[in-house]
N, C-alpha and C. Protein backbone atom coordinates (compact mmCIF):
# COMPACT_ATOMS: atom_id res chain seq x y z
N HIS A 1 89.53 109.08 76.13
CA HIS A 1 89.25 110.38 77.00
C HIS A 1 90.41 111.37 76.73
N CYS A 2 89.30 112.51 77.02
CA CYS A 2 90.90 113.40 76.77
C CYS A 2 89.49 114.61 78.46
N HIS A 3 90.68 114.87 79.05
CA HIS A 3 89.64 115.15 80.11
C HIS A 3 90.17 117.11 79.47
N VAL A 4 89.70 118.10 80.08
CA VAL A 4 89.21 119.07 79.86
C VAL A 4 89.21 119.34 81.13
N PRO A 5 89.77 120.96 80.64
CA PRO A 5 89.42 121.81 82.63
C PRO A 5 88.06 121.92 82.44
N PRO A 6 86.99 121.96 84.28
CA PRO A 6 85.78 121.94 84.58
C PRO A 6 85.47 123.81 83.99
N ASP A 7 86.24 124.67 84.30
CA ASP A 7 85.71 125.77 83.95
C ASP A 7 85.18 126.35 82.21
N ALA A 8 86.34 124.99 81.06
CA ALA A 8 86.13 125.37 79.73
C ALA A 8 84.78 124.75 79.12
N SER A 9 84.58 125.78 78.28
CA SER A 9 83.46 126.08 77.60
C SER A 9 83.13 125.04 76.82
N VAL A 10 81.80 124.61 76.76
CA VAL A 10 81.20 123.54 75.64
C VAL A 10 81.97 123.79 73.65
N GLU A 11 82.25 124.83 74.13
CA GLU A 11 82.72 125.37 72.68
C GLU A 11 84.08 124.68 72.35
N ASP A 12 85.00 125.13 73.73
CA ASP A 12 86.32 125.09 73.68
C ASP A 12 86.87 123.59 74.01
N ALA A 13 86.08 123.34 74.30
CA ALA A 13 86.21 121.23 74.30
C ALA A 13 86.06 120.35 73.43
N HIS A 14 85.26 120.95 72.34
CA HIS A 14 85.03 121.59 70.83
C HIS A 14 85.73 121.07 69.76
N ASP A 15 87.07 122.87 70.24
CA ASP A 15 87.75 123.04 69.46
C ASP A 15 88.57 121.88 69.53
N ALA A 16 89.17 121.58 71.09
CA ALA A 16 89.82 120.46 71.68
C ALA A 16 90.12 119.69 71.22
N VAL A 17 89.22 119.02 70.24
CA VAL A 17 88.75 117.98 70.78
C VAL A 17 88.85 117.20 68.85
N SER A 18 88.26 118.95 68.58
CA SER A 18 88.39 118.74 66.73
C SER A 18 89.94 118.89 66.44
N ALA A 19 90.66 118.85 66.87
CA ALA A 19 92.31 120.55 67.18
C ALA A 19 92.78 118.74 67.25
N LEU A 20 92.52 117.59 67.97
CA LEU A 20 93.59 116.05 67.61
C LEU A 20 92.80 115.20 67.38
N GLU A 21 91.35 115.22 66.83
CA GLU A 21 91.55 114.41 65.57
C GLU A 21 91.83 114.97 65.02
N GLN A 22 91.49 116.18 64.22
CA GLN A 22 93.03 116.60 62.91
C GLN A 22 94.14 116.23 62.76
N LYS A 23 94.81 116.11 64.69
CA LYS A 23 96.18 115.36 64.05
C LYS A 23 96.87 114.47 64.05
N ILE A 24 95.58 113.81 64.75
CA ILE A 24 95.61 111.71 64.47
C ILE A 24 95.66 111.25 63.08
N ARG A 25 95.02 111.89 62.39
CA ARG A 25 94.56 111.64 61.15
C ARG A 25 95.72 112.38 60.60
N GLY A 26 96.70 113.60 60.54
CA GLY A 26 97.38 114.24 59.81
C GLY A 26 98.63 112.48 60.12
N GLN A 27 98.64 112.49 60.85
CA GLN A 27 99.70 111.33 61.59
C GLN A 27 100.03 109.38 61.06
N ILE A 28 98.66 109.38 61.09
CA ILE A 28 98.18 107.76 61.05
C ILE A 28 97.30 107.79 59.90
N ASP A 29 97.39 106.86 58.42
CA ASP A 29 97.52 107.17 56.91
C ASP A 29 95.87 105.76 57.59
N GLY A 30 95.37 106.26 56.63
CA GLY A 30 94.52 105.53 56.68
C GLY A 30 92.96 105.15 57.70
N VAL A 31 93.46 106.48 58.81
CA VAL A 31 92.28 106.16 60.15
C VAL A 31 90.82 106.67 59.72
N ARG A 32 90.09 106.05 59.67
CA ARG A 32 88.12 105.68 58.76
C ARG A 32 87.65 106.73 59.42
N ARG A 33 88.10 106.26 61.28
CA ARG A 33 87.31 106.91 62.22
C ARG A 33 87.80 107.04 63.92
N ILE A 34 87.41 107.80 64.35
CA ILE A 34 88.00 108.61 65.32
C ILE A 34 87.02 108.66 66.78
N ILE A 35 86.94 108.47 68.11
CA ILE A 35 86.22 108.69 69.19
C ILE A 35 86.90 109.36 69.81
N VAL A 36 85.80 110.59 70.16
CA VAL A 36 87.36 111.45 71.57
C VAL A 36 85.85 111.70 71.86
N HIS A 37 85.87 111.74 73.46
CA HIS A 37 84.62 111.26 74.57
C HIS A 37 85.94 113.11 75.57
N ALA A 38 85.08 114.13 75.56
CA ALA A 38 85.58 115.02 75.92
C ALA A 38 84.84 114.88 78.05
N GLU A 39 85.63 115.31 79.01
CA GLU A 39 85.01 115.64 80.37
C GLU A 39 86.08 115.90 81.21
N PRO A 40 85.68 116.48 82.35
CA PRO A 40 85.89 117.28 83.29
C PRO A 40 86.88 116.13 83.56
N PRO A 41 88.42 116.79 84.68
CA PRO A 41 89.43 115.77 85.07
C PRO A 41 88.59 115.41 86.87
N ALA A 42 88.58 114.62 86.81
CA ALA A 42 88.22 113.41 88.50
C ALA A 42 88.62 114.95 89.24
N LEU A 43 87.20 114.71 90.15
CA LEU A 43 87.61 115.52 91.45
C LEU A 43 88.65 115.00 91.95
N PRO A 44 89.51 115.49 93.34
CA PRO A 44 90.52 114.82 93.59
C PRO A 44 89.73 114.30 94.97
N LEU A 45 89.48 113.16 96.14
CA LEU A 45 88.41 113.03 96.98
C LEU A 45 88.47 113.70 98.31
N ALA A 46 87.12 114.21 99.15
CA ALA A 46 87.42 115.18 100.03
C ALA A 46 88.50 114.31 101.39
N THR A 47 87.82 115.33 101.76
CA THR A 47 89.49 114.16 103.26
C THR A 47 88.35 114.18 104.27
N GLU A 48 88.76 113.54 105.61
CA GLU A 48 87.88 113.90 106.35
C GLU A 48 88.89 114.96 107.41
N PRO A 49 88.16 115.47 108.33
CA PRO A 49 89.56 116.14 109.30
C PRO A 49 89.76 115.43 110.02
N ALA A 50 90.66 115.97 110.83
CA ALA A 50 91.45 115.98 111.45
C ALA A 50 91.69 115.74 112.68
């Protein structure tokens, strides 16, 4: 799982995922399959007013 900024375009997220896949393939011999799931970071929980 990769967190991308919530305001990132789908195209930007895809480009980042592709770059990560290429980096993994370049550093680990014999990699056959890479699955990367991009999602926005979890939002902080809302707090109750005091």
